[in-house]
Protein backbone atom coordinates (compact mmCIF):
# COMPACT_ATOMS: atom_id res chain seq x y z
CA MET A 1 -5.71 9.01 36.12
CA GLY A 2 -5.72 9.68 32.35
CA LYS A 3 -7.09 7.67 29.50
CA GLU A 4 -6.47 4.01 28.81
CA LYS A 5 -4.11 3.10 26.01
CA ASN A 6 -5.77 2.31 22.68
CA PRO A 7 -5.73 -1.40 21.78
CA ARG A 8 -3.48 -2.39 18.90
CA ARG A 9 -5.18 -2.72 15.53
CA VAL A 10 -2.74 -5.40 14.42
CA ALA A 11 -1.36 -8.53 16.10
CA GLU A 12 1.84 -8.56 18.15
CA ASN A 13 3.90 -9.91 15.23
CA GLU A 14 2.51 -7.47 12.63
CA ALA A 15 3.00 -3.87 11.55
CA MET A 16 1.04 -1.71 9.12
CA ALA A 17 1.42 1.32 6.87
CA LYS A 18 -1.21 3.20 4.89
CA VAL A 19 -0.92 5.73 2.09
CA ARG A 20 -3.83 7.81 0.86
CA MET A 21 -4.51 9.97 -2.19
CA LEU A 22 -2.45 8.03 -4.72
CA ARG A 23 -3.19 9.49 -8.12
CA THR A 24 -4.04 6.31 -9.97
CA SER A 25 -7.08 4.11 -10.33
CA PRO A 26 -7.61 1.38 -7.72
CA GLN A 27 -7.64 -1.22 -10.48
CA LYS A 28 -4.14 -0.28 -11.66
CA LEU A 29 -2.84 -0.05 -8.10
CA ASN A 30 -4.23 -3.50 -7.29
CA LEU A 31 -2.13 -5.03 -10.08
CA VAL A 32 1.02 -3.82 -8.33
CA ALA A 33 -0.28 -4.78 -4.86
CA ALA A 34 -1.04 -8.31 -6.09
CA MET A 35 2.57 -8.54 -7.29
CA ILE A 36 3.94 -8.31 -3.72
CA ARG A 37 1.31 -10.16 -1.65
CA GLY A 38 2.71 -13.10 0.32
CA LYS A 39 6.35 -12.44 -0.61
CA LYS A 40 9.31 -11.79 1.67
CA VAL A 41 9.87 -8.06 2.03
CA GLU A 42 13.32 -8.04 0.42
CA LYS A 43 11.98 -9.86 -2.67
CA ALA A 44 8.97 -7.50 -2.78
CA LEU A 45 11.27 -4.44 -2.62
CA THR A 46 13.38 -5.84 -5.46
CA ASP A 47 10.29 -6.50 -7.59
CA LEU A 48 8.98 -2.97 -7.01
CA THR A 49 12.37 -1.41 -7.75
CA PHE A 50 12.53 -3.00 -11.19
CA SER A 51 8.84 -2.71 -12.07
CA LYS A 52 7.99 -0.59 -15.10
CA ARG A 53 4.76 0.72 -13.60
CA ARG A 54 4.75 4.34 -12.44
CA ILE A 55 2.83 3.67 -9.25
CA ALA A 56 5.32 1.00 -8.11
CA GLU A 57 7.52 3.75 -6.63
CA ASP A 58 4.72 4.87 -4.28
CA VAL A 59 3.95 1.27 -3.31
CA LYS A 60 7.63 0.79 -2.51
CA LYS A 61 7.58 3.86 -0.25
CA CYS A 62 4.58 2.45 1.62
CA LEU A 63 6.27 -0.94 2.01
CA GLN A 64 9.44 0.72 3.33
CA SER A 65 7.29 2.62 5.82
CA ALA A 66 5.67 -0.62 7.01
CA ILE A 67 9.11 -2.19 7.42
CA ALA A 68 10.34 0.83 9.40
CA ASN A 69 7.22 0.68 11.61
CA ALA A 70 7.87 -3.01 12.27
CA GLU A 71 11.49 -2.40 13.19
CA ASN A 72 11.20 0.81 15.22
CA ASN A 73 7.73 0.67 16.78
CA HIS A 74 7.16 -3.06 17.24
CA ASN A 75 10.75 -4.45 17.59
CA LEU A 76 10.29 -7.05 14.84
CA ASP A 77 13.15 -8.67 12.92
CA VAL A 78 13.32 -7.24 9.38
CA ASP A 79 14.84 -10.40 7.89
CA GLU A 80 11.82 -12.50 8.89
CA LEU A 81 9.08 -10.20 7.54
CA ILE A 82 6.64 -11.11 4.79
CA VAL A 83 3.94 -9.01 3.13
CA ALA A 84 0.95 -10.56 4.87
CA GLU A 85 -1.72 -8.35 3.30
CA ALA A 86 -1.84 -5.53 0.78
CA TRP A 87 -5.23 -4.12 -0.05
CA VAL A 88 -6.46 -1.24 -2.15
CA GLY A 89 -9.40 1.08 -1.65
CA LYS A 90 -11.12 3.88 -3.52
CA ASN A 91 -10.61 7.50 -2.63
CA LEU A 92 -12.10 10.59 -4.19
CA THR A 93 -12.59 11.09 -7.92
CA MET A 94 -11.97 14.43 -9.59
CA LYS A 95 -14.45 15.18 -12.32
CA ARG A 96 -13.12 17.04 -15.33
CA GLY A 97 -14.50 17.48 -18.80
CA ARG A 98 -13.77 18.54 -22.30
CA PRO A 99 -15.98 19.95 -25.00
CA ARG A 100 -17.01 17.54 -27.71
CA ALA A 101 -18.74 17.87 -31.05
CA ARG A 102 -22.28 19.28 -31.38
CA GLY A 103 -22.22 21.04 -28.03
CA ARG A 104 -21.78 17.95 -25.91
CA TYR A 105 -19.51 17.45 -22.95
CA GLY A 106 -17.06 14.56 -22.56
CA ARG A 107 -16.67 13.58 -18.94
CA ILE A 108 -13.19 12.73 -17.68
CA THR A 109 -12.79 11.12 -14.27
CA LYS A 110 -9.46 11.26 -12.45
CA PRO A 111 -9.61 8.65 -9.68
CA PHE A 112 -7.51 8.46 -6.53
CA ALA A 113 -6.78 5.32 -4.52
CA GLU A 114 -5.43 4.33 -1.13
CA LEU A 115 -3.17 1.43 -0.18
CA THR A 116 -2.69 -0.45 3.10
CA ILE A 117 0.21 -2.85 3.59
CA LYS A 118 0.50 -5.20 6.56
CA VAL A 119 3.78 -7.04 7.22
CA ARG A 120 4.08 -10.06 9.51
CA GLN A 121 7.06 -11.68 11.17
CA VAL A 122 7.28 -15.42 10.54
CA GLU A 123 9.95 -17.76 11.87
CA GLU A 124 11.72 -19.65 9.13
CA GLN A 125 11.68 -23.45 9.37
CA ALA A 126 15.11 -25.10 9.27
């Protein structure tokens, strides 16, 4: 008896990883995500390793998670993976403030973002 298995959210030759609550703005995170879109995973990992941006370390962790998911859960070949998609979304925004001159209040927003990376196995042409 029991329940039916959930359908896969990605294709047979794809794997996905998602990270939430990254303490940076989505705009800044998207700059790093755009840097790795469409590249082979080894080149993307190298680019993230030597990037000067602080958030690149968290993006690298997410990419490594997607690679591990592809290898362990979906039996894909790591050497043939590319970063098919990498998209960024908004998460919550903490509102903080600081007193300003003449009794006013300066609003400070501290945004969070989330990142989804999808890797796809492609066969190399000879």
